[in-house]
Amino acid sequence: MRDQTAGVPPSAARPPFDRFLVTAEEVARARPDVDPETVREVFREVATLLDDGLALDGLDDHDARAVVAGLCADLVTADPGAAIRARSRATAREPGDLHDPAGATAAYLLAAEVLQL
C-alpha cells in the first residue's frame, strides 16, 4: 500500500525544480534517522527559494537541470555551502557539457547566497 503521507508529488514543482522533491523522497527513504516530512519541507523550501530567487534564470534547460542535480548532491552533504562553492569552482575549471559554464558557475554561487549557506 502506498504511503498517503508521502508528501508533495514531484510533479507539484515545475522542472527543473521538481528534482528537489525527488531528492527529498530519496533522502527520506535512505536515511531512517531523519524525519521524512521535515526533509520534504526543507527541499520544497529550497525549490521555492531558488525559483523565487531567480537563481537559474538565464540558463537553458540543459544547464538548469545540471545545476539542480549538482545542488541536490551538495545539499545532502555535511557542509552544503562548502560543497556548492567547491562545485562552482570545479565547474569553472572543467565545465563538461554545459552550454554556459560561466552562467552555471554563477548560478551555484547565487544558490548558496539565496539559501544562506
PDB file of N, CA and C in Angstrom:
ATOM      1  N   MET A   1       0.838  -1.184   0.000  1.00  0.00           N
ATOM      2  CA  MET A   1       0.000   0.000   0.000  1.00  0.00           C
ATOM      3  C   MET A   1       0.881   1.245   0.000  1.00  0.00           C
ATOM      4  N   ARG A   2       0.537   2.221  -0.803  1.00  0.00           N
ATOM      5  CA  ARG A   2       1.296   3.461  -0.927  1.00  0.00           C
ATOM      6  C   ARG A   2       1.062   4.334   0.294  1.00  0.00           C
ATOM      7  N   ASP A   3       2.146   4.954   0.775  1.00  0.00           N
ATOM      8  CA  ASP A   3       2.074   5.862   1.909  1.00  0.00           C
ATOM      9  C   ASP A   3       1.338   7.132   1.480  1.00  0.00           C
ATOM     10  N   GLN A   4       0.195   7.392   2.069  1.00  0.00           N
ATOM     11  CA  GLN A   4      -0.603   8.557   1.713  1.00  0.00           C
ATOM     12  C   GLN A   4      -0.009   9.855   2.251  1.00  0.00           C
ATOM     13  N   THR A   5       0.984   9.771   3.129  1.00  0.00           N
ATOM     14  CA  THR A   5       1.612  10.960   3.689  1.00  0.00           C
ATOM     15  C   THR A   5       2.974  11.198   3.060  1.00  0.00           C
ATOM     16  N   ALA A   6       3.182  10.673   1.901  1.00  0.00           N
ATOM     17  CA  ALA A   6       4.499  10.741   1.256  1.00  0.00           C
ATOM     18  C   ALA A   6       4.887  12.147   0.840  1.00  0.00           C
ATOM     19  N   GLY A   7       4.014  13.119   1.011  1.00  0.00           N
ATOM     20  CA  GLY A   7       4.386  14.490   0.685  1.00  0.00           C
ATOM     21  C   GLY A   7       3.943  14.888  -0.701  1.00  0.00           C
ATOM     22  N   VAL A   8       4.410  16.019  -1.098  1.00  0.00           N
ATOM     23  CA  VAL A   8       4.044  16.571  -2.388  1.00  0.00           C
ATOM     24  C   VAL A   8       4.675  15.738  -3.494  1.00  0.00           C
ATOM     25  N   PRO A   9       3.895  15.350  -4.487  1.00  0.00           N
ATOM     26  CA  PRO A   9       4.473  14.577  -5.589  1.00  0.00           C
ATOM     27  C   PRO A   9       5.471  15.420  -6.371  1.00  0.00           C
ATOM     28  N   PRO A  10       6.470  14.768  -6.987  1.00  0.00           N
ATOM     29  CA  PRO A  10       7.468  15.509  -7.750  1.00  0.00           C
ATOM     30  C   PRO A  10       6.870  16.424  -8.812  1.00  0.00           C
ATOM     31  N   SER A  11       5.722  16.087  -9.341  1.00  0.00           N
ATOM     32  CA  SER A  11       5.111  16.899 -10.384  1.00  0.00           C
ATOM     33  C   SER A  11       4.543  18.210  -9.855  1.00  0.00           C
ATOM     34  N   ALA A  12       4.522  18.418  -8.527  1.00  0.00           N
ATOM     35  CA  ALA A  12       3.960  19.634  -7.965  1.00  0.00           C
ATOM     36  C   ALA A  12       4.864  20.841  -8.191  1.00  0.00           C
ATOM     37  N   ALA A  13       6.110  20.635  -8.500  1.00  0.00           N
ATOM     38  CA  ALA A  13       7.031  21.725  -8.819  1.00  0.00           C
ATOM     39  C   ALA A  13       7.376  21.636 -10.297  1.00  0.00           C
ATOM     40  N   ARG A  14       7.604  22.783 -10.889  1.00  0.00           N
ATOM     41  CA  ARG A  14       7.931  22.780 -12.313  1.00  0.00           C
ATOM     42  C   ARG A  14       9.398  22.405 -12.503  1.00  0.00           C
ATOM     43  N   PRO A  15       9.698  21.798 -13.625  1.00  0.00           N
ATOM     44  CA  PRO A  15      11.093  21.462 -13.929  1.00  0.00           C
ATOM     45  C   PRO A  15      11.943  22.732 -14.014  1.00  0.00           C
ATOM     46  N   PRO A  16      13.148  22.695 -13.636  1.00  0.00           N
ATOM     47  CA  PRO A  16      13.915  21.579 -13.086  1.00  0.00           C
ATOM     48  C   PRO A  16      13.783  21.447 -11.571  1.00  0.00           C
ATOM     49  N   PHE A  17      12.960  22.313 -10.955  1.00  0.00           N
ATOM     50  CA  PHE A  17      12.838  22.333  -9.504  1.00  0.00           C
ATOM     51  C   PHE A  17      12.185  21.072  -8.941  1.00  0.00           C
ATOM     52  N   ASP A  18      11.472  20.328  -9.770  1.00  0.00           N
ATOM     53  CA  ASP A  18      10.858  19.082  -9.328  1.00  0.00           C
ATOM     54  C   ASP A  18      11.908  18.073  -8.867  1.00  0.00           C
ATOM     55  N   ARG A  19      13.127  18.208  -9.339  1.00  0.00           N
ATOM     56  CA  ARG A  19      14.208  17.293  -8.927  1.00  0.00           C
ATOM     57  C   ARG A  19      14.490  17.401  -7.432  1.00  0.00           C
ATOM     58  N   PHE A  20      14.284  18.583  -6.846  1.00  0.00           N
ATOM     59  CA  PHE A  20      14.471  18.734  -5.406  1.00  0.00           C
ATOM     60  C   PHE A  20      13.483  17.866  -4.633  1.00  0.00           C
ATOM     61  N   LEU A  21      12.263  17.770  -5.129  1.00  0.00           N
ATOM     62  CA  LEU A  21      11.253  16.960  -4.443  1.00  0.00           C
ATOM     63  C   LEU A  21      11.557  15.472  -4.578  1.00  0.00           C
ATOM     64  N   VAL A  22      12.101  15.073  -5.713  1.00  0.00           N
ATOM     65  CA  VAL A  22      12.531  13.685  -5.900  1.00  0.00           C
ATOM     66  C   VAL A  22      13.673  13.378  -4.929  1.00  0.00           C
ATOM     67  N   THR A  23      14.605  14.305  -4.805  1.00  0.00           N
ATOM     68  CA  THR A  23      15.734  14.124  -3.884  1.00  0.00           C
ATOM     69  C   THR A  23      15.238  14.002  -2.451  1.00  0.00           C
ATOM     70  N   ALA A  24      14.262  14.798  -2.081  1.00  0.00           N
ATOM     71  CA  ALA A  24      13.706  14.708  -0.726  1.00  0.00           C
ATOM     72  C   ALA A  24      13.171  13.307  -0.452  1.00  0.00           C
ATOM     73  N   GLU A  25      12.475  12.742  -1.425  1.00  0.00           N
ATOM     74  CA  GLU A  25      11.943  11.392  -1.246  1.00  0.00           C
ATOM     75  C   GLU A  25      13.075  10.374  -1.135  1.00  0.00           C
ATOM     76  N   GLU A  26      14.114  10.540  -1.936  1.00  0.00           N
ATOM     77  CA  GLU A  26      15.261   9.627  -1.880  1.00  0.00           C
ATOM     78  C   GLU A  26      15.943   9.706  -0.516  1.00  0.00           C
ATOM     79  N   VAL A  27      16.127  10.912  -0.003  1.00  0.00           N
ATOM     80  CA  VAL A  27      16.754  11.097   1.309  1.00  0.00           C
ATOM     81  C   VAL A  27      15.871  10.502   2.395  1.00  0.00           C
ATOM     82  N   ALA A  28      14.582  10.736   2.316  1.00  0.00           N
ATOM     83  CA  ALA A  28      13.656  10.211   3.326  1.00  0.00           C
ATOM     84  C   ALA A  28      13.701   8.682   3.381  1.00  0.00           C
ATOM     85  N   ARG A  29      13.830   8.049   2.220  1.00  0.00           N
ATOM     86  CA  ARG A  29      13.906   6.581   2.187  1.00  0.00           C
ATOM     87  C   ARG A  29      15.270   6.072   2.653  1.00  0.00           C
ATOM     88  N   ALA A  30      16.335   6.788   2.286  1.00  0.00           N
ATOM     89  CA  ALA A  30      17.699   6.311   2.549  1.00  0.00           C
ATOM     90  C   ALA A  30      18.172   6.578   3.973  1.00  0.00           C
ATOM     91  N   ARG A  31      17.585   7.533   4.632  1.00  0.00           N
ATOM     92  CA  ARG A  31      18.054   7.919   5.965  1.00  0.00           C
ATOM     93  C   ARG A  31      16.930   7.777   6.991  1.00  0.00           C
ATOM     94  N   PRO A  32      16.811   6.596   7.575  1.00  0.00           N
ATOM     95  CA  PRO A  32      15.726   6.377   8.538  1.00  0.00           C
ATOM     96  C   PRO A  32      15.869   7.221   9.800  1.00  0.00           C
ATOM     97  N   ASP A  33      17.049   7.832  10.004  1.00  0.00           N
ATOM     98  CA  ASP A  33      17.275   8.639  11.191  1.00  0.00           C
ATOM     99  C   ASP A  33      16.720  10.057  11.073  1.00  0.00           C
ATOM    100  N   VAL A  34      16.222  10.444   9.905  1.00  0.00           N
ATOM    101  CA  VAL A  34      15.658  11.778   9.731  1.00  0.00           C
ATOM    102  C   VAL A  34      14.148  11.697   9.568  1.00  0.00           C
ATOM    103  N   ASP A  35      13.480  12.765   9.956  1.00  0.00           N
ATOM    104  CA  ASP A  35      12.029  12.837   9.814  1.00  0.00           C
ATOM    105  C   ASP A  35      11.678  13.094   8.352  1.00  0.00           C
ATOM    106  N   PRO A  36      10.964  12.171   7.705  1.00  0.00           N
ATOM    107  CA  PRO A  36      10.661  12.318   6.278  1.00  0.00           C
ATOM    108  C   PRO A  36       9.936  13.622   5.936  1.00  0.00           C
ATOM    109  N   GLU A  37       8.993  14.029   6.757  1.00  0.00           N
ATOM    110  CA  GLU A  37       8.250  15.247   6.444  1.00  0.00           C
ATOM    111  C   GLU A  37       9.132  16.483   6.564  1.00  0.00           C
ATOM    112  N   THR A  38      10.069  16.467   7.488  1.00  0.00           N
ATOM    113  CA  THR A  38      10.999  17.587   7.621  1.00  0.00           C
ATOM    114  C   THR A  38      11.883  17.684   6.377  1.00  0.00           C
ATOM    115  N   VAL A  39      12.376  16.551   5.911  1.00  0.00           N
ATOM    116  CA  VAL A  39      13.201  16.537   4.701  1.00  0.00           C
ATOM    117  C   VAL A  39      12.397  17.057   3.518  1.00  0.00           C
ATOM    118  N   ARG A  40      11.175  16.618   3.391  1.00  0.00           N
ATOM    119  CA  ARG A  40      10.331  17.082   2.286  1.00  0.00           C
ATOM    120  C   ARG A  40      10.119  18.592   2.360  1.00  0.00           C
ATOM    121  N   GLU A  41       9.835  19.083   3.551  1.00  0.00           N
ATOM    122  CA  GLU A  41       9.600  20.515   3.723  1.00  0.00           C
ATOM    123  C   GLU A  41      10.850  21.322   3.387  1.00  0.00           C
ATOM    124  N   VAL A  42      12.002  20.846   3.822  1.00  0.00           N
ATOM    125  CA  VAL A  42      13.260  21.547   3.528  1.00  0.00           C
ATOM    126  C   VAL A  42      13.476  21.634   2.016  1.00  0.00           C
ATOM    127  N   PHE A  43      13.299  20.529   1.316  1.00  0.00           N
ATOM    128  CA  PHE A  43      13.542  20.541  -0.122  1.00  0.00           C
ATOM    129  C   PHE A  43      12.463  21.306  -0.886  1.00  0.00           C
ATOM    130  N   ARG A  44      11.222  21.308  -0.394  1.00  0.00           N
ATOM    131  CA  ARG A  44      10.188  22.158  -1.008  1.00  0.00           C
ATOM    132  C   ARG A  44      10.588  23.625  -0.861  1.00  0.00           C
ATOM    133  N   GLU A  45      11.098  23.972   0.319  1.00  0.00           N
ATOM    134  CA  GLU A  45      11.531  25.352   0.560  1.00  0.00           C
ATOM    135  C   GLU A  45      12.719  25.714  -0.329  1.00  0.00           C
ATOM    136  N   VAL A  46      13.660  24.802  -0.496  1.00  0.00           N
ATOM    137  CA  VAL A  46      14.802  25.034  -1.387  1.00  0.00           C
ATOM    138  C   VAL A  46      14.298  25.329  -2.799  1.00  0.00           C
ATOM    139  N   ALA A  47      13.399  24.490  -3.287  1.00  0.00           N
ATOM    140  CA  ALA A  47      12.866  24.683  -4.643  1.00  0.00           C
ATOM    141  C   ALA A  47      12.185  26.043  -4.761  1.00  0.00           C
ATOM    142  N   THR A  48      11.399  26.405  -3.768  1.00  0.00           N
ATOM    143  CA  THR A  48      10.683  27.679  -3.796  1.00  0.00           C
ATOM    144  C   THR A  48      11.648  28.857  -3.748  1.00  0.00           C
ATOM    145  N   LEU A  49      12.614  28.802  -2.840  1.00  0.00           N
ATOM    146  CA  LEU A  49      13.571  29.909  -2.712  1.00  0.00           C
ATOM    147  C   LEU A  49      14.386  30.108  -3.982  1.00  0.00           C
ATOM    148  N   LEU A  50      14.840  29.020  -4.573  1.00  0.00           N
ATOM    149  CA  LEU A  50      15.655  29.135  -5.785  1.00  0.00           C
ATOM    150  C   LEU A  50      14.824  29.591  -6.974  1.00  0.00           C
ATOM    151  N   ASP A  51      13.584  29.133  -7.046  1.00  0.00           N
ATOM    152  CA  ASP A  51      12.700  29.561  -8.121  1.00  0.00           C
ATOM    153  C   ASP A  51      12.370  31.042  -7.946  1.00  0.00           C
ATOM    154  N   ASP A  52      11.933  31.421  -6.755  1.00  0.00           N
ATOM    155  CA  ASP A  52      11.592  32.819  -6.491  1.00  0.00           C
ATOM    156  C   ASP A  52      12.815  33.729  -6.573  1.00  0.00           C
ATOM    157  N   GLY A  53      13.980  33.207  -6.186  1.00  0.00           N
ATOM    158  CA  GLY A  53      15.210  33.990  -6.214  1.00  0.00           C
ATOM    159  C   GLY A  53      15.843  34.085  -7.584  1.00  0.00           C
ATOM    160  N   LEU A  54      15.221  33.451  -8.568  1.00  0.00           N
ATOM    161  CA  LEU A  54      15.683  33.504  -9.957  1.00  0.00           C
ATOM    162  C   LEU A  54      17.120  33.008 -10.108  1.00  0.00           C
ATOM    163  N   ALA A  55      17.509  32.072  -9.263  1.00  0.00           N
ATOM    164  CA  ALA A  55      18.882  31.572  -9.248  1.00  0.00           C
ATOM    165  C   ALA A  55      19.291  30.906 -10.561  1.00  0.00           C
ATOM    166  N   LEU A  56      18.336  30.362 -11.290  1.00  0.00           N
ATOM    167  CA  LEU A  56      18.671  29.661 -12.528  1.00  0.00           C
ATOM    168  C   LEU A  56      18.281  30.437 -13.776  1.00  0.00           C
ATOM    169  N   ASP A  57      17.790  31.659 -13.588  1.00  0.00           N
ATOM    170  CA  ASP A  57      17.398  32.464 -14.745  1.00  0.00           C
ATOM    171  C   ASP A  57      18.592  32.673 -15.662  1.00  0.00           C
ATOM    172  N   GLY A  58      18.341  32.588 -16.932  1.00  0.00           N
ATOM    173  CA  GLY A  58      19.388  32.767 -17.923  1.00  0.00           C
ATOM    174  C   GLY A  58      20.017  31.471 -18.375  1.00  0.00           C
ATOM    175  N   LEU A  59      19.813  30.398 -17.625  1.00  0.00           N
ATOM    176  CA  LEU A  59      20.344  29.099 -18.034  1.00  0.00           C
ATOM    177  C   LEU A  59      19.334  28.405 -18.930  1.00  0.00           C
ATOM    178  N   ASP A  60      19.823  27.689 -19.937  1.00  0.00           N
ATOM    179  CA  ASP A  60      18.901  26.890 -20.735  1.00  0.00           C
ATOM    180  C   ASP A  60      18.492  25.656 -19.927  1.00  0.00           C
ATOM    181  N   ASP A  61      17.550  24.898 -20.445  1.00  0.00           N
ATOM    182  CA  ASP A  61      17.018  23.739 -19.710  1.00  0.00           C
ATOM    183  C   ASP A  61      18.119  22.740 -19.350  1.00  0.00           C
ATOM    184  N   HIS A  62      19.008  22.480 -20.275  1.00  0.00           N
ATOM    185  CA  HIS A  62      20.087  21.522 -20.046  1.00  0.00           C
ATOM    186  C   HIS A  62      20.951  21.954 -18.860  1.00  0.00           C
ATOM    187  N   ASP A  63      21.401  23.199 -18.880  1.00  0.00           N
ATOM    188  CA  ASP A  63      22.275  23.680 -17.817  1.00  0.00           C
ATOM    189  C   ASP A  63      21.526  23.814 -16.490  1.00  0.00           C
ATOM    190  N   ALA A  64      20.270  24.238 -16.534  1.00  0.00           N
ATOM    191  CA  ALA A  64      19.483  24.352 -15.301  1.00  0.00           C
ATOM    192  C   ALA A  64      19.323  22.977 -14.653  1.00  0.00           C
ATOM    193  N   ARG A  65      19.051  21.949 -15.451  1.00  0.00           N
ATOM    194  CA  ARG A  65      18.928  20.596 -14.896  1.00  0.00           C
ATOM    195  C   ARG A  65      20.258  20.138 -14.290  1.00  0.00           C
ATOM    196  N   ALA A  66      21.363  20.475 -14.955  1.00  0.00           N
ATOM    197  CA  ALA A  66      22.680  20.087 -14.441  1.00  0.00           C
ATOM    198  C   ALA A  66      22.978  20.784 -13.117  1.00  0.00           C
ATOM    199  N   VAL A  67      22.654  22.065 -13.020  1.00  0.00           N
ATOM    200  CA  VAL A  67      22.889  22.797 -11.773  1.00  0.00           C
ATOM    201  C   VAL A  67      22.013  22.233 -10.656  1.00  0.00           C
ATOM    202  N   VAL A  68      20.763  21.965 -10.941  1.00  0.00           N
ATOM    203  CA  VAL A  68      19.881  21.398  -9.910  1.00  0.00           C
ATOM    204  C   VAL A  68      20.401  20.037  -9.462  1.00  0.00           C
ATOM    205  N   ALA A  69      20.852  19.213 -10.377  1.00  0.00           N
ATOM    206  CA  ALA A  69      21.410  17.910  -9.999  1.00  0.00           C
ATOM    207  C   ALA A  69      22.609  18.090  -9.076  1.00  0.00           C
ATOM    208  N   GLY A  70      23.475  19.046  -9.413  1.00  0.00           N
ATOM    209  CA  GLY A  70      24.620  19.321  -8.546  1.00  0.00           C
ATOM    210  C   GLY A  70      24.195  19.814  -7.183  1.00  0.00           C
ATOM    211  N   LEU A  71      23.221  20.702  -7.154  1.00  0.00           N
ATOM    212  CA  LEU A  71      22.727  21.210  -5.874  1.00  0.00           C
ATOM    213  C   LEU A  71      22.111  20.096  -5.037  1.00  0.00           C
ATOM    214  N   CYS A  72      21.363  19.220  -5.671  1.00  0.00           N
ATOM    215  CA  CYS A  72      20.759  18.102  -4.941  1.00  0.00           C
ATOM    216  C   CYS A  72      21.836  17.248  -4.275  1.00  0.00           C
ATOM    217  N   ALA A  73      22.910  16.992  -4.978  1.00  0.00           N
ATOM    218  CA  ALA A  73      24.009  16.204  -4.418  1.00  0.00           C
ATOM    219  C   ALA A  73      24.687  16.962  -3.272  1.00  0.00           C
ATOM    220  N   ASP A  74      24.886  18.251  -3.456  1.00  0.00           N
ATOM    221  CA  ASP A  74      25.603  19.038  -2.456  1.00  0.00           C
ATOM    222  C   ASP A  74      24.785  19.324  -1.203  1.00  0.00           C
ATOM    223  N   LEU A  75      23.491  19.461  -1.348  1.00  0.00           N
ATOM    224  CA  LEU A  75      22.649  19.816  -0.206  1.00  0.00           C
ATOM    225  C   LEU A  75      22.530  18.711   0.837  1.00  0.00           C
ATOM    226  N   VAL A  76      22.906  17.503   0.489  1.00  0.00           N
ATOM    227  CA  VAL A  76      22.818  16.402   1.447  1.00  0.00           C
ATOM    228  C   VAL A  76      24.180  16.058   2.056  1.00  0.00           C
ATOM    229  N   THR A  77      25.165  16.935   1.847  1.00  0.00           N
ATOM    230  CA  THR A  77      26.485  16.730   2.433  1.00  0.00           C
ATOM    231  C   THR A  77      26.545  17.375   3.816  1.00  0.00           C
ATOM    232  N   ALA A  78      27.620  17.105   4.539  1.00  0.00           N
ATOM    233  CA  ALA A  78      27.786  17.661   5.883  1.00  0.00           C
ATOM    234  C   ALA A  78      27.901  19.187   5.864  1.00  0.00           C
ATOM    235  N   ASP A  79      28.487  19.747   4.809  1.00  0.00           N
ATOM    236  CA  ASP A  79      28.636  21.203   4.690  1.00  0.00           C
ATOM    237  C   ASP A  79      28.184  21.629   3.293  1.00  0.00           C
ATOM    238  N   PRO A  80      26.875  21.819   3.121  1.00  0.00           N
ATOM    239  CA  PRO A  80      26.349  22.133   1.791  1.00  0.00           C
ATOM    240  C   PRO A  80      26.943  23.401   1.187  1.00  0.00           C
ATOM    241  N   GLY A  81      27.150  24.424   1.974  1.00  0.00           N
ATOM    242  CA  GLY A  81      27.703  25.663   1.444  1.00  0.00           C
ATOM    243  C   GLY A  81      29.072  25.452   0.842  1.00  0.00           C
ATOM    244  N   ALA A  82      29.940  24.753   1.571  1.00  0.00           N
ATOM    245  CA  ALA A  82      31.287  24.466   1.063  1.00  0.00           C
ATOM    246  C   ALA A  82      31.212  23.581  -0.178  1.00  0.00           C
ATOM    247  N   ALA A  83      30.308  22.624  -0.183  1.00  0.00           N
ATOM    248  CA  ALA A  83      30.170  21.721  -1.328  1.00  0.00           C
ATOM    249  C   ALA A  83      29.706  22.483  -2.572  1.00  0.00           C
ATOM    250  N   ILE A  84      28.763  23.394  -2.403  1.00  0.00           N
ATOM    251  CA  ILE A  84      28.261  24.164  -3.547  1.00  0.00           C
ATOM    252  C   ILE A  84      29.352  25.086  -4.086  1.00  0.00           C
ATOM    253  N   ARG A  85      30.078  25.751  -3.195  1.00  0.00           N
ATOM    254  CA  ARG A  85      31.158  26.635  -3.653  1.00  0.00           C
ATOM    255  C   ARG A  85      32.258  25.836  -4.354  1.00  0.00           C
ATOM    256  N   ALA A  86      32.565  24.653  -3.830  1.00  0.00           N
ATOM    257  CA  ALA A  86      33.569  23.792  -4.483  1.00  0.00           C
ATOM    258  C   ALA A  86      33.078  23.352  -5.861  1.00  0.00           C
ATOM    259  N   ARG A  87      31.796  23.040  -5.968  1.00  0.00           N
ATOM    260  CA  ARG A  87      31.246  22.636  -7.269  1.00  0.00           C
ATOM    261  C   ARG A  87      31.311  23.808  -8.258  1.00  0.00           C
ATOM    262  N   SER A  88      31.055  25.004  -7.772  1.00  0.00           N
ATOM    263  CA  SER A  88      31.148  26.179  -8.633  1.00  0.00           C
ATOM    264  C   SER A  88      32.564  26.328  -9.186  1.00  0.00           C
ATOM    265  N   ARG A  89      33.562  26.201  -8.325  1.00  0.00           N
ATOM    266  CA  ARG A  89      34.964  26.295  -8.772  1.00  0.00           C
ATOM    267  C   ARG A  89      35.303  25.180  -9.756  1.00  0.00           C
ATOM    268  N   ALA A  90      34.849  23.973  -9.453  1.00  0.00           N
ATOM    269  CA  ALA A  90      35.123  22.828 -10.334  1.00  0.00           C
ATOM    270  C   ALA A  90      34.460  23.021 -11.697  1.00  0.00           C
ATOM    271  N   THR A  91      33.267  23.581 -11.703  1.00  0.00           N
ATOM    272  CA  THR A  91      32.555  23.835 -12.956  1.00  0.00           C
ATOM    273  C   THR A  91      33.308  24.853 -13.800  1.00  0.00           C
ATOM    274  N   ALA A  92      33.881  25.856 -13.150  1.00  0.00           N
ATOM    275  CA  ALA A  92      34.658  26.857 -13.886  1.00  0.00           C
ATOM    276  C   ALA A  92      35.895  26.231 -14.535  1.00  0.00           C
ATOM    277  N   ARG A  93      36.508  25.271 -13.831  1.00  0.00           N
ATOM    278  CA  ARG A  93      37.719  24.615 -14.351  1.00  0.00           C
ATOM    279  C   ARG A  93      37.400  23.580 -15.416  1.00  0.00           C
ATOM    280  N   GLU A  94      36.379  22.782 -15.162  1.00  0.00           N
ATOM    281  CA  GLU A  94      36.018  21.686 -16.063  1.00  0.00           C
ATOM    282  C   GLU A  94      34.506  21.691 -16.277  1.00  0.00           C
ATOM    283  N   PRO A  95      34.032  22.426 -17.263  1.00  0.00           N
ATOM    284  CA  PRO A  95      32.593  22.601 -17.449  1.00  0.00           C
ATOM    285  C   PRO A  95      31.849  21.409 -18.041  1.00  0.00           C
ATOM    286  N   GLY A  96      32.574  20.405 -18.495  1.00  0.00           N
ATOM    287  CA  GLY A  96      31.882  19.259 -19.088  1.00  0.00           C
ATOM    288  C   GLY A  96      31.059  19.672 -20.281  1.00  0.00           C
ATOM    289  N   ASP A  97      29.803  19.237 -20.329  1.00  0.00           N
ATOM    290  CA  ASP A  97      28.958  19.518 -21.490  1.00  0.00           C
ATOM    291  C   ASP A  97      28.014  20.704 -21.280  1.00  0.00           C
ATOM    292  N   LEU A  98      28.313  21.554 -20.309  1.00  0.00           N
ATOM    293  CA  LEU A  98      27.465  22.719 -20.077  1.00  0.00           C
ATOM    294  C   LEU A  98      27.523  23.668 -21.271  1.00  0.00           C
ATOM    295  N   HIS A  99      26.410  24.275 -21.573  1.00  0.00           N
ATOM    296  CA  HIS A  99      26.339  25.234 -22.673  1.00  0.00           C
ATOM    297  C   HIS A  99      26.847  26.609 -22.241  1.00  0.00           C
ATOM    298  N   ASP A 100      26.635  26.943 -20.975  1.00  0.00           N
ATOM    299  CA  ASP A 100      27.031  28.243 -20.426  1.00  0.00           C
ATOM    300  C   ASP A 100      27.741  28.014 -19.087  1.00  0.00           C
ATOM    301  N   PRO A 101      28.997  27.590 -19.123  1.00  0.00           N
ATOM    302  CA  PRO A 101      29.717  27.306 -17.879  1.00  0.00           C
ATOM    303  C   PRO A 101      29.788  28.498 -16.926  1.00  0.00           C
ATOM    304  N   ALA A 102      29.976  29.694 -17.446  1.00  0.00           N
ATOM    305  CA  ALA A 102      30.036  30.873 -16.579  1.00  0.00           C
ATOM    306  C   ALA A 102      28.691  31.103 -15.892  1.00  0.00           C
ATOM    307  N   GLY A 103      27.615  30.910 -16.624  1.00  0.00           N
ATOM    308  CA  GLY A 103      26.278  31.061 -16.043  1.00  0.00           C
ATOM    309  C   GLY A 103      26.006  30.011 -14.976  1.00  0.00           C
ATOM    310  N   ALA A 104      26.427  28.784 -15.234  1.00  0.00           N
ATOM    311  CA  ALA A 104      26.230  27.711 -14.244  1.00  0.00           C
ATOM    312  C   ALA A 104      27.066  27.964 -13.003  1.00  0.00           C
ATOM    313  N   THR A 105      28.305  28.406 -13.202  1.00  0.00           N
ATOM    314  CA  THR A 105      29.180  28.722 -12.072  1.00  0.00           C
ATOM    315  C   THR A 105      28.543  29.800 -11.207  1.00  0.00           C
ATOM    316  N   ALA A 106      28.033  30.831 -11.842  1.00  0.00           N
ATOM    317  CA  ALA A 106      27.372  31.914 -11.116  1.00  0.00           C
ATOM    318  C   ALA A 106      26.096  31.426 -10.435  1.00  0.00           C
ATOM    319  N   ALA A 107      25.359  30.533 -11.091  1.00  0.00           N
ATOM    320  CA  ALA A 107      24.109  30.022 -10.512  1.00  0.00           C
ATOM    321  C   ALA A 107      24.374  29.254  -9.218  1.00  0.00           C
ATOM    322  N   TYR A 108      25.459  28.485  -9.176  1.00  0.00           N
ATOM    323  CA  TYR A 108      25.800  27.785  -7.929  1.00  0.00           C
ATOM    324  C   TYR A 108      26.040  28.786  -6.808  1.00  0.00           C
ATOM    325  N   LEU A 109      26.810  29.831  -7.099  1.00  0.00           N
ATOM    326  CA  LEU A 109      27.108  30.827  -6.064  1.00  0.00           C
ATOM    327  C   LEU A 109      25.857  31.582  -5.641  1.00  0.00           C
ATOM    328  N   LEU A 110      24.998  31.909  -6.598  1.00  0.00           N
ATOM    329  CA  LEU A 110      23.746  32.583  -6.273  1.00  0.00           C
ATOM    330  C   LEU A 110      22.858  31.673  -5.427  1.00  0.00           C
ATOM    331  N   ALA A 111      22.820  30.398  -5.763  1.00  0.00           N
ATOM    332  CA  ALA A 111      22.027  29.450  -4.981  1.00  0.00           C
ATOM    333  C   ALA A 111      22.521  29.402  -3.540  1.00  0.00           C
ATOM    334  N   ALA A 112      23.829  29.360  -3.346  1.00  0.00           N
ATOM    335  CA  ALA A 112      24.384  29.343  -1.982  1.00  0.00           C
ATOM    336  C   ALA A 112      23.981  30.618  -1.240  1.00  0.00           C
ATOM    337  N   GLU A 113      23.991  31.731  -1.947  1.00  0.00           N
ATOM    338  CA  GLU A 113      23.609  33.007  -1.322  1.00  0.00           C
ATOM    339  C   GLU A 113      22.124  33.017  -0.981  1.00  0.00           C
ATOM    340  N   VAL A 114      21.287  32.627  -1.928  1.00  0.00           N
ATOM    341  CA  VAL A 114      19.834  32.618  -1.714  1.00  0.00           C
ATOM    342  C   VAL A 114      19.475  31.702  -0.543  1.00  0.00           C
ATOM    343  N   LEU A 115      20.159  30.573  -0.451  1.00  0.00           N
ATOM    344  CA  LEU A 115      19.884  29.608   0.627  1.00  0.00           C
ATOM    345  C   LEU A 115      20.628  29.948   1.908  1.00  0.00           C
ATOM    346  N   GLN A 116      21.387  31.025   1.882  1.00  0.00           N
ATOM    347  CA  GLN A 116      22.151  31.496   3.040  1.00  0.00           C
ATOM    348  C   GLN A 116      23.081  30.418   3.582  1.00  0.00           C
ATOM    349  N   LEU A 117      23.836  29.804   2.670  1.00  0.00           N
ATOM    350  CA  LEU A 117      24.779  28.750   3.053  1.00  0.00           C
ATOM    351  C   LEU A 117      26.205  29.272   3.023  1.00  0.00           C
TER     352      LEU A 117
END
